[in-house]
Amino acid sequence: MALTATCKKCNREVEPGEVCPLCGTKLPKTAVHAAWVVERRPAADWMCWNAVMRWLLPAGLAVLLLALALEAVSGGAAAVEKLFRSGFPLTVLLLMGALTALVFGLLLLQGPELMDYVVDSRGVHATRYLPRPTPLKLIARGKSPALMAQADPESPNPVLRLDERDLPWREVTRVQLWPEKCYLLFYAPAWWLRIPVRCTPFSWEDALVFVRDKLGKKKAVDLPEHLRARKE
């Protein structure tokens, strides 16, 4: 089970219940959350490629359409036909392929990372960590090598915190399930993927419980039918 609770008095993670098993302090319902960590390899992760292609494909299409529009304005249909015969669309495709290969190389250089997920009463939270950081891994991620100063030099296996994303329940407009890959996809707005949450077999159902409890009664949120709160 991924469910746990935070005792504010002990400042520790404990088993969920009415009281803390360590100090006896009453635990509020908001103290319960689902938390887990998974390893991700960006070069082999579909969601990393999804994020890249959401920018790369529209950019390539925009360049092609802009060139066609300029040719049409300057020379009409004959100029557009000439542009196609010149092999310009093929050049754009080759450029896109080269950029894709470059992105693949950068993702390989990034190496594995750790994703720490928390689903609680406030929303969805994803924190990214880089184990055994190096300046090259940071540069490949578009991060400054100066972040190496935050890693513990005495630790045999240092871990560097890269970034954190939070999505409150009130901002979620659509939730999509990808059970084959154990992914929960949270959208805000409905056409933009804000946080893809990769679950484990042990955290999947716990995360769905929070989605059902927090969003199941909201008609404005697009949810799979079985996540809708049942009418009593």
Protein backbone atom coordinates (compact mmCIF):
# COMPACT_ATOMS: atom_id res chain seq x y z
CA MET A 1 0.00 0.00 0.00
CA ALA A 2 1.18 3.51 -0.81
CA LEU A 3 -1.08 5.20 1.73
CA THR A 4 0.67 6.89 4.61
CA ALA A 5 0.10 9.84 6.95
CA THR A 6 2.22 12.69 8.24
CA CYS A 7 2.26 13.36 11.97
CA LYS A 8 3.01 17.04 12.48
CA LYS A 9 4.09 16.49 16.06
CA CYS A 10 6.53 13.67 15.26
CA ASN A 11 7.32 15.09 11.82
CA ARG A 12 7.41 11.51 10.53
CA GLU A 13 5.53 9.31 8.11
CA VAL A 14 3.32 6.81 9.95
CA GLU A 15 0.61 4.29 9.19
CA PRO A 16 -2.73 6.00 8.45
CA GLY A 17 -5.30 5.89 11.22
CA GLU A 18 -7.17 8.05 13.71
CA VAL A 19 -4.11 8.63 15.92
CA CYS A 20 -0.34 8.54 15.44
CA PRO A 21 1.00 5.12 16.54
CA LEU A 22 4.17 6.81 17.84
CA CYS A 23 2.91 9.71 19.96
CA GLY A 24 -0.85 9.27 20.11
CA THR A 25 -1.62 12.62 18.46
CA LYS A 26 -4.91 12.71 16.54
CA LEU A 27 -4.35 12.54 12.79
CA PRO A 28 -6.66 14.65 10.60
CA LYS A 29 -8.01 13.20 7.36
CA THR A 30 -5.86 15.67 5.41
CA ALA A 31 -2.74 14.00 6.84
CA VAL A 32 -3.34 10.89 4.72
CA HIS A 33 -1.70 10.74 1.30
CA ALA A 34 -0.36 8.32 -1.26
CA ALA A 35 3.38 8.57 -1.88
CA TRP A 36 5.80 6.51 -3.97
CA VAL A 37 9.00 6.79 -5.99
CA VAL A 38 9.76 5.38 -9.45
CA GLU A 39 12.86 5.45 -11.60
CA ARG A 40 12.56 7.00 -15.04
CA ARG A 41 14.93 6.85 -18.01
CA PRO A 42 14.06 9.85 -20.20
CA ALA A 43 15.32 8.30 -23.46
CA ALA A 44 12.93 5.36 -23.04
CA ASP A 45 10.03 7.20 -21.42
CA TRP A 46 7.03 7.91 -23.63
CA MET A 47 6.00 10.97 -21.62
CA CYS A 48 9.37 12.64 -22.17
CA TRP A 49 8.97 12.14 -25.92
CA ASN A 50 5.39 13.36 -25.69
CA ALA A 51 6.60 16.62 -24.14
CA VAL A 52 9.26 17.03 -26.85
CA MET A 53 6.92 16.31 -29.76
CA ARG A 54 4.28 18.71 -28.48
CA TRP A 55 6.76 21.48 -29.34
CA LEU A 56 8.83 19.97 -32.16
CA LEU A 57 6.00 18.88 -34.50
CA PRO A 58 4.03 22.17 -34.34
CA ALA A 59 7.27 24.11 -34.88
CA GLY A 60 8.11 22.09 -38.02
CA LEU A 61 4.58 22.46 -39.35
CA ALA A 62 4.64 26.20 -38.66
CA VAL A 63 7.89 26.62 -40.65
CA LEU A 64 6.43 24.70 -43.60
CA LEU A 65 3.14 26.61 -43.59
CA LEU A 66 4.90 29.97 -43.24
CA ALA A 67 7.14 29.21 -46.22
CA LEU A 68 4.13 28.14 -48.32
CA ALA A 69 2.20 31.26 -47.33
CA LEU A 70 5.09 33.58 -48.26
CA GLU A 71 5.54 31.87 -51.61
CA ALA A 72 1.81 32.04 -52.31
CA VAL A 73 1.72 35.78 -51.54
CA SER A 74 4.81 36.58 -53.58
CA GLY A 75 4.32 34.33 -56.60
CA GLY A 76 0.94 32.64 -56.41
CA ALA A 77 0.22 28.99 -57.10
CA ALA A 78 3.15 28.67 -59.49
CA ALA A 79 5.59 29.67 -56.74
CA VAL A 80 4.06 27.16 -54.33
CA GLU A 81 4.36 24.40 -56.91
CA LYS A 82 7.97 25.36 -57.55
CA LEU A 83 8.68 25.24 -53.82
CA PHE A 84 7.34 21.69 -53.62
CA ARG A 85 9.40 20.63 -56.62
CA SER A 86 12.54 22.13 -55.07
CA GLY A 87 12.38 19.58 -52.27
CA PHE A 88 11.78 22.09 -49.48
CA PRO A 89 9.23 19.87 -47.64
CA LEU A 90 11.77 17.04 -47.72
CA THR A 91 14.39 19.39 -46.30
CA VAL A 92 12.03 20.26 -43.44
CA LEU A 93 11.45 16.54 -42.74
CA LEU A 94 15.19 15.86 -42.74
CA LEU A 95 15.73 18.76 -40.37
CA MET A 96 13.02 17.38 -38.08
CA GLY A 97 14.71 13.99 -38.17
CA ALA A 98 18.07 15.53 -37.29
CA LEU A 99 16.53 17.43 -34.38
CA THR A 100 14.85 14.24 -33.17
CA ALA A 101 18.19 12.41 -33.25
CA LEU A 102 19.78 15.30 -31.33
CA VAL A 103 17.03 15.16 -28.70
CA PHE A 104 17.51 11.39 -28.38
CA GLY A 105 21.21 11.93 -27.75
CA LEU A 106 20.50 14.54 -25.08
CA LEU A 107 17.98 12.25 -23.37
CA LEU A 108 20.56 9.45 -23.32
CA LEU A 109 23.11 11.77 -21.71
CA GLN A 110 20.62 12.71 -19.00
CA GLY A 111 20.71 9.24 -17.47
CA PRO A 112 18.09 7.86 -15.06
CA GLU A 113 16.19 10.07 -12.64
CA LEU A 114 13.86 9.51 -9.70
CA MET A 115 10.27 10.71 -9.68
CA ASP A 116 8.72 11.24 -6.25
CA TYR A 117 4.92 11.40 -6.48
CA VAL A 118 2.48 12.49 -3.77
CA VAL A 119 -1.32 12.54 -4.14
CA ASP A 120 -3.06 14.14 -1.18
CA SER A 121 -6.05 16.25 -0.19
CA ARG A 122 -4.55 19.34 -1.84
CA GLY A 123 -3.69 17.90 -5.23
CA VAL A 124 -0.99 16.12 -7.21
CA HIS A 125 2.71 16.74 -6.61
CA ALA A 126 5.71 15.49 -8.60
CA THR A 127 9.32 16.08 -7.56
CA ARG A 128 12.23 15.12 -9.79
CA TYR A 129 15.59 14.01 -8.42
CA LEU A 130 18.88 13.25 -10.15
CA PRO A 131 20.91 10.44 -8.55
CA ARG A 132 24.70 10.61 -8.89
CA PRO A 133 24.61 14.04 -10.60
CA THR A 134 27.34 15.25 -12.94
CA PRO A 135 27.76 18.57 -14.78
CA LEU A 136 27.13 16.76 -18.10
CA LYS A 137 23.81 15.32 -16.90
CA LEU A 138 22.73 18.78 -15.77
CA ILE A 139 23.72 20.45 -19.04
CA ALA A 140 21.81 17.78 -20.99
CA ARG A 141 18.73 18.73 -18.96
CA GLY A 142 19.21 22.44 -19.62
CA LYS A 143 20.28 22.99 -16.01
CA SER A 144 23.25 24.97 -14.74
CA PRO A 145 26.28 22.92 -13.58
CA ALA A 146 26.36 25.28 -10.60
CA LEU A 147 23.59 23.12 -9.10
CA MET A 148 26.31 20.58 -8.27
CA ALA A 149 27.04 22.77 -5.22
CA GLN A 150 23.73 21.60 -3.72
CA ALA A 151 24.77 17.92 -3.76
CA ASP A 152 26.36 16.43 -0.66
CA PRO A 153 30.04 15.83 -1.62
CA GLU A 154 30.52 13.36 1.24
CA SER A 155 27.63 11.10 0.22
CA PRO A 156 28.64 7.96 -1.73
CA ASN A 157 25.35 8.21 -3.68
CA PRO A 158 24.37 11.90 -3.83
CA VAL A 159 20.89 12.85 -5.02
CA LEU A 160 20.11 16.30 -6.40
CA ARG A 161 16.61 17.80 -6.35
CA LEU A 162 15.87 19.22 -9.80
CA ASP A 163 12.35 20.62 -9.72
CA GLU A 164 8.82 20.21 -8.39
CA ARG A 165 5.41 20.52 -9.98
CA ASP A 166 2.12 20.93 -8.12
CA LEU A 167 -1.40 20.73 -9.49
CA PRO A 168 -4.28 21.60 -7.11
CA TRP A 169 -7.49 19.62 -7.53
CA ARG A 170 -9.42 22.81 -8.34
CA GLU A 171 -7.35 23.32 -11.50
CA VAL A 172 -7.77 19.80 -12.92
CA THR A 173 -10.17 19.73 -15.88
CA ARG A 174 -9.57 16.22 -17.26
CA VAL A 175 -8.13 12.93 -16.04
CA GLN A 176 -7.12 10.17 -18.42
CA LEU A 177 -6.06 6.65 -17.43
CA TRP A 178 -3.37 4.63 -19.17
CA PRO A 179 -3.49 1.35 -17.20
CA GLU A 180 -1.23 -0.51 -19.66
CA LYS A 181 1.64 1.78 -18.65
CA CYS A 182 0.31 2.50 -15.15
CA TYR A 183 -0.05 6.22 -15.89
CA LEU A 184 -2.53 8.78 -14.57
CA LEU A 185 -2.67 11.82 -16.84
CA PHE A 186 -3.85 15.11 -15.35
CA TYR A 187 -4.89 17.93 -17.70
CA ALA A 188 -5.37 21.65 -16.98
CA PRO A 189 -6.89 22.95 -19.22
CA ALA A 190 -8.52 19.94 -20.87
CA TRP A 191 -6.23 20.06 -23.92
CA TRP A 192 -2.92 20.46 -22.03
CA LEU A 193 -1.20 17.65 -20.13
CA ARG A 194 0.08 19.20 -16.90
CA ILE A 195 1.36 16.24 -14.89
CA PRO A 196 1.73 12.63 -16.06
CA VAL A 197 1.86 10.45 -12.94
CA ARG A 198 3.50 7.07 -13.30
CA CYS A 199 2.12 4.72 -10.66
CA THR A 200 3.26 1.35 -9.39
CA PRO A 201 0.96 -1.67 -9.08
CA PHE A 202 0.82 -0.93 -5.34
CA SER A 203 -0.06 2.79 -5.67
CA TRP A 204 -2.49 2.68 -8.62
CA GLU A 205 -5.68 2.00 -6.64
CA ASP A 206 -4.71 4.37 -3.81
CA ALA A 207 -4.21 7.21 -6.29
CA LEU A 208 -7.57 6.46 -7.94
CA VAL A 209 -9.27 6.73 -4.54
CA PHE A 210 -8.07 10.34 -4.20
CA VAL A 211 -9.15 11.16 -7.77
CA ARG A 212 -12.61 9.74 -7.13
CA ASP A 213 -12.99 11.51 -3.78
CA LYS A 214 -11.75 14.91 -4.95
CA LEU A 215 -13.07 15.03 -8.51
CA GLY A 216 -15.80 12.41 -8.75
CA LYS A 217 -18.63 14.84 -7.94
CA LYS A 218 -17.43 17.63 -10.24
CA LYS A 219 -19.45 17.54 -13.46
CA ALA A 220 -17.13 20.04 -15.12
CA VAL A 221 -14.19 17.61 -14.91
CA ASP A 222 -13.84 15.04 -17.69
CA LEU A 223 -13.36 11.70 -15.94
CA PRO A 224 -13.59 8.01 -16.85
CA GLU A 225 -17.07 6.87 -15.88
CA HIS A 226 -15.92 4.46 -13.15
CA LEU A 227 -14.25 7.37 -11.34
CA ARG A 228 -17.52 9.25 -11.00
CA ALA A 229 -18.90 9.33 -7.48
CA ARG A 230 -21.95 7.14 -7.22
CA LYS A 231 -25.22 8.82 -6.39
CA GLU A 232 -26.65 7.68 -3.08
